[in-house]
Structures are given as C-alpha cells and as structure tokens.
C-alpha cells in the first residue's frame, strides 16, 4: 500500500509492514552481525510489522530533562508466526544511548535529522524523494539518520529513513549499511502503510 501524502518523515505514526518482495534479503547483514544460522533463518522468514509512535517530548537520559523538547520515534516490531521483535526507541538529538535486546545484544546508538546533502555515503543518500512535501526536520531535513555500534561484536549499522518511489508508488523506506572491518552489506527495506 502506498504511503498517504500525510505520512512524511515528520509523522511516521501508524502501522507499517515490510514488503519482502521489494526489500533486500537481510541475511548478509545478520551474518556480519554474528547472528546464528537458526535465528537468521527464522528472522529471514518472518514478515515484520512496525507500530510507530512519533512525538515531541523531553530528551531521554543521559540528556538533561530540562533540555528543549526533541522528536522521539518509538517502534514496536512484531513478526509473523509469533516471532518476538525488537523495540526501537529513537531520540533525535544525536546523543549516544545504550540499549540491549535479545537479537543484537548490547549496542549504543544515536539518531538525528539529516539533509541528503549531509549524508556522506552514496548508498545511504541515493534514491530518495526530496522537496518541501517530504521535509520533516526542524530545518527542513528530509531524512532521519540512525547510527548503531555493537558493544559486543564490533559491527556498525547506519540507516537513512525517508520516502521513495518503488515501482512508481510512494513508500516509506530505509537504506541500511551494516559493516565490520572489510565486510559491508547494503539493504533497502520497504514498508507498506497499513493504518
């Protein structure tokens, strides 16, 4: 399903389901991240649904609670077949925060608004819809940039979020680069809008 015009990077709230036919296979990234074979197969077979809540509020620790409000994006992931998903809690102030979950272990991540011109990786920067209709950041940025570093296994995962045309239809998408040493996997994840 196409993303309605009202859904932009400024308001991702709602439900989105991964379109596996239009998304990249995720196994190459999971290999780099040290995820075991059985778990990779289960995750690869599952179709993820994202329940997104986006709102403004005081920044999360370690930021001072008295700091100016920032955008928060909280995502509950659920997989088909009862697979437990992960929870993403993003605070768009570019401050590193630590997190641990069953799939990726201990990580630290930071998230911020970004303009395409400021994305320094060609894959992360290409293919996006741009312009005023897509602007959502406080300074007109059209993307969210998330960078995560594994504290256990030495990999990094950098994502840009935005909207792009997929087979002529406007969709929410993420470009993801997972890297460790000389290894690199590039993924495009495409989501259909549910509600």
Protein backbone atom coordinates (compact mmCIF):
# COMPACT_ATOMS: atom_id res chain seq x y z
CA UNK A 1 0.00 0.00 0.00
CA UNK A 2 1.20 3.47 -0.84
CA UNK A 3 2.09 5.88 1.93
CA UNK A 4 -0.61 8.57 2.13
CA UNK A 5 0.59 12.15 1.49
CA UNK A 6 0.01 12.94 5.19
CA UNK A 7 2.73 10.45 6.15
CA UNK A 8 6.16 12.03 5.95
CA UNK A 9 9.33 11.74 7.98
CA UNK A 10 7.67 14.32 10.26
CA UNK A 11 4.88 11.88 11.15
CA UNK A 12 5.56 8.15 10.79
CA UNK A 13 2.99 7.25 13.46
CA UNK A 14 0.87 4.26 12.47
CA UNK A 15 1.39 0.70 11.32
CA UNK A 16 3.74 -0.33 8.54
CA UNK A 17 4.50 -3.83 7.25
CA UNK A 18 7.70 -4.81 5.48
CA UNK A 19 7.20 -5.54 1.79
CA UNK A 20 9.54 -8.51 1.46
CA UNK A 21 9.22 -8.66 -2.33
CA UNK A 22 10.50 -5.08 -2.62
CA UNK A 23 13.09 -5.28 0.21
CA UNK A 24 16.61 -6.67 0.15
CA UNK A 25 17.36 -10.05 1.74
CA UNK A 26 18.56 -9.33 5.29
CA UNK A 27 20.72 -12.42 5.82
CA UNK A 28 24.01 -10.83 4.63
CA UNK A 29 23.65 -8.14 7.32
CA UNK A 30 22.76 -10.68 10.02
CA UNK A 31 25.89 -12.71 9.15
CA UNK A 32 28.08 -9.64 9.70
CA UNK A 33 26.25 -9.02 12.98
CA UNK A 34 27.13 -12.51 14.22
CA UNK A 35 23.54 -13.80 14.34
CA UNK A 36 23.44 -17.62 14.37
CA UNK A 37 22.16 -19.69 11.43
CA UNK A 38 18.87 -20.82 13.01
CA UNK A 39 17.98 -17.30 14.18
CA UNK A 40 18.90 -15.89 10.75
CA UNK A 41 16.52 -18.34 9.07
CA UNK A 42 13.66 -17.53 11.47
CA UNK A 43 14.19 -13.79 11.12
CA UNK A 44 14.51 -14.12 7.34
CA UNK A 45 11.19 -15.95 7.06
CA UNK A 46 9.26 -13.54 9.28
CA UNK A 47 7.41 -10.51 7.96
CA UNK A 48 7.86 -7.57 10.33
CA UNK A 49 5.13 -5.13 11.24
CA UNK A 50 6.14 -1.80 12.75
CA UNK A 51 3.86 0.02 15.19
CA UNK A 52 5.29 3.55 15.18
CA UNK A 53 4.65 6.38 17.63
CA UNK A 54 6.31 9.72 16.82
CA UNK A 55 6.01 12.63 19.23
CA UNK A 56 7.82 15.60 20.80
CA UNK A 57 8.97 15.44 24.41
CA UNK A 58 11.89 15.96 26.79
CA UNK A 59 15.02 14.10 25.67
CA UNK A 60 15.73 10.67 27.15
CA UNK A 61 18.65 10.14 29.59
CA UNK A 62 21.55 10.83 29.58
CA UNK A 63 20.31 14.22 28.34
CA UNK A 64 19.16 16.67 31.00
CA UNK A 65 15.37 16.51 31.46
CA UNK A 66 15.28 20.31 31.36
CA UNK A 67 16.73 20.34 27.81
CA UNK A 68 14.44 21.54 24.99
CA UNK A 69 11.92 19.08 23.58
CA UNK A 70 13.06 16.76 20.81
CA UNK A 71 11.36 14.33 18.45
CA UNK A 72 11.01 10.75 19.67
CA UNK A 73 10.27 7.76 17.43
CA UNK A 74 9.29 4.57 19.24
CA UNK A 75 8.75 1.40 17.23
CA UNK A 76 7.41 -1.94 18.40
CA UNK A 77 8.28 -4.67 15.93
CA UNK A 78 6.29 -7.90 15.69
CA UNK A 79 6.98 -10.79 13.35
CA UNK A 80 4.68 -13.28 11.71
CA UNK A 81 4.39 -16.64 13.41
CA UNK A 82 4.70 -15.12 16.86
CA UNK A 83 8.34 -14.14 16.42
CA UNK A 84 9.38 -11.66 19.08
CA UNK A 85 10.51 -8.43 17.53
CA UNK A 86 12.75 -5.72 18.91
CA UNK A 87 11.82 -2.31 20.28
CA UNK A 88 13.38 0.79 18.77
CA UNK A 89 13.42 3.94 20.89
CA UNK A 90 14.96 6.81 18.98
CA UNK A 91 15.53 10.28 20.39
CA UNK A 92 16.52 12.64 17.58
CA UNK A 93 19.15 14.70 19.40
CA UNK A 94 22.27 12.83 18.16
CA UNK A 95 23.23 11.73 21.71
CA UNK A 96 24.58 8.18 22.15
CA UNK A 97 22.34 5.93 24.26
CA UNK A 98 23.00 2.32 25.23
CA UNK A 99 20.45 -0.43 24.70
CA UNK A 100 20.34 -4.22 24.86
CA UNK A 101 17.97 -6.70 23.21
CA UNK A 102 17.70 -10.44 22.57
CA UNK A 103 18.76 -10.24 18.92
CA UNK A 104 21.59 -7.71 18.70
CA UNK A 105 22.99 -7.76 22.25
CA UNK A 106 24.43 -4.60 23.76
CA UNK A 107 24.62 -1.61 21.44
CA UNK A 108 24.87 2.16 21.58
CA UNK A 109 23.12 4.34 19.09
CA UNK A 110 22.42 7.92 18.09
CA UNK A 111 19.73 9.36 15.83
CA UNK A 112 19.26 12.76 14.20
CA UNK A 113 17.53 14.67 11.44
CA UNK A 114 19.65 14.98 8.30
CA UNK A 115 19.51 16.58 4.85
CA UNK A 116 20.52 14.49 1.84
CA UNK A 117 23.45 16.81 1.15
CA UNK A 118 24.91 15.91 4.56
CA UNK A 119 24.80 12.12 4.04
CA UNK A 120 28.37 11.04 3.26
CA UNK A 121 27.66 7.51 1.99
CA UNK A 122 26.44 7.23 -1.62
CA UNK A 123 24.16 4.24 -0.98
CA UNK A 124 22.55 5.89 2.05
CA UNK A 125 21.97 9.11 0.09
CA UNK A 126 20.55 7.82 -3.21
CA UNK A 127 17.03 7.23 -4.46
CA UNK A 128 15.02 9.43 -2.10
CA UNK A 129 12.09 11.72 -2.75
CA UNK A 130 13.03 15.28 -1.87
CA UNK A 131 11.36 18.65 -1.68
CA UNK A 132 9.11 20.59 0.61
CA UNK A 133 6.43 17.88 0.74
CA UNK A 134 8.98 15.46 2.23
CA UNK A 135 10.58 17.90 4.69
CA UNK A 136 10.03 16.99 8.32
CA UNK A 137 13.02 18.09 10.35
CA UNK A 138 13.22 21.37 12.23
CA UNK A 139 15.40 22.85 9.49
CA UNK A 140 13.61 21.23 6.56
CA UNK A 141 15.55 17.96 6.65
CA UNK A 142 14.01 15.11 4.66
CA UNK A 143 15.58 12.15 6.47
CA UNK A 144 16.36 10.50 9.77
CA UNK A 145 19.88 9.11 10.22
CA UNK A 146 20.43 6.37 12.78
CA UNK A 147 23.88 5.02 13.66
CA UNK A 148 24.33 1.99 15.94
CA UNK A 149 27.55 0.42 17.21
CA UNK A 150 27.70 -3.09 18.67
CA UNK A 151 29.41 -3.14 22.07
CA UNK A 152 29.80 -6.93 21.88
CA UNK A 153 30.66 -7.79 18.26
CA UNK A 154 32.31 -4.76 16.62
CA UNK A 155 29.80 -4.09 13.82
CA UNK A 156 28.06 -0.83 12.93
CA UNK A 157 24.66 -0.27 11.33
CA UNK A 158 23.84 3.08 9.74
CA UNK A 159 20.38 3.80 8.36
CA UNK A 160 18.69 6.61 6.49
CA UNK A 161 14.89 6.76 6.61
CA UNK A 162 12.69 8.57 4.16
CA UNK A 163 10.29 8.07 1.27
CA UNK A 164 10.97 6.88 -2.24
CA UNK A 165 9.14 5.70 -5.32
CA UNK A 166 9.09 1.91 -5.56
CA UNK A 167 7.56 0.63 -8.79
CA UNK A 168 6.00 4.09 -9.17
CA UNK A 169 4.42 4.06 -5.70
CA UNK A 170 5.48 6.32 -2.80
CA UNK A 171 6.69 4.16 0.11
CA UNK A 172 8.44 4.55 3.46
CA UNK A 173 11.90 3.02 3.18
CA UNK A 174 15.18 2.59 4.97
CA UNK A 175 18.61 2.28 3.43
CA UNK A 176 20.88 0.33 5.77
CA UNK A 177 24.63 -0.27 5.74
CA UNK A 178 25.95 -2.92 8.15
CA UNK A 179 29.73 -3.07 8.34
CA UNK A 180 32.52 -4.77 10.26
CA UNK A 181 36.14 -4.44 9.17
CA UNK A 182 36.18 -5.01 5.40
CA UNK A 183 32.70 -6.57 5.37
CA UNK A 184 29.76 -4.46 4.19
CA UNK A 185 26.12 -5.24 3.47
CA UNK A 186 23.73 -2.76 1.84
CA UNK A 187 19.99 -3.23 2.36
CA UNK A 188 16.90 -1.41 1.21
CA UNK A 189 13.88 -2.08 3.43
CA UNK A 190 10.50 -1.06 2.00
CA UNK A 191 7.31 -0.75 4.04
CA UNK A 192 3.65 -0.73 3.07
CA UNK A 193 1.33 1.55 5.02
CA UNK A 194 -1.37 -0.34 6.96
CA UNK A 195 -3.05 2.31 9.09
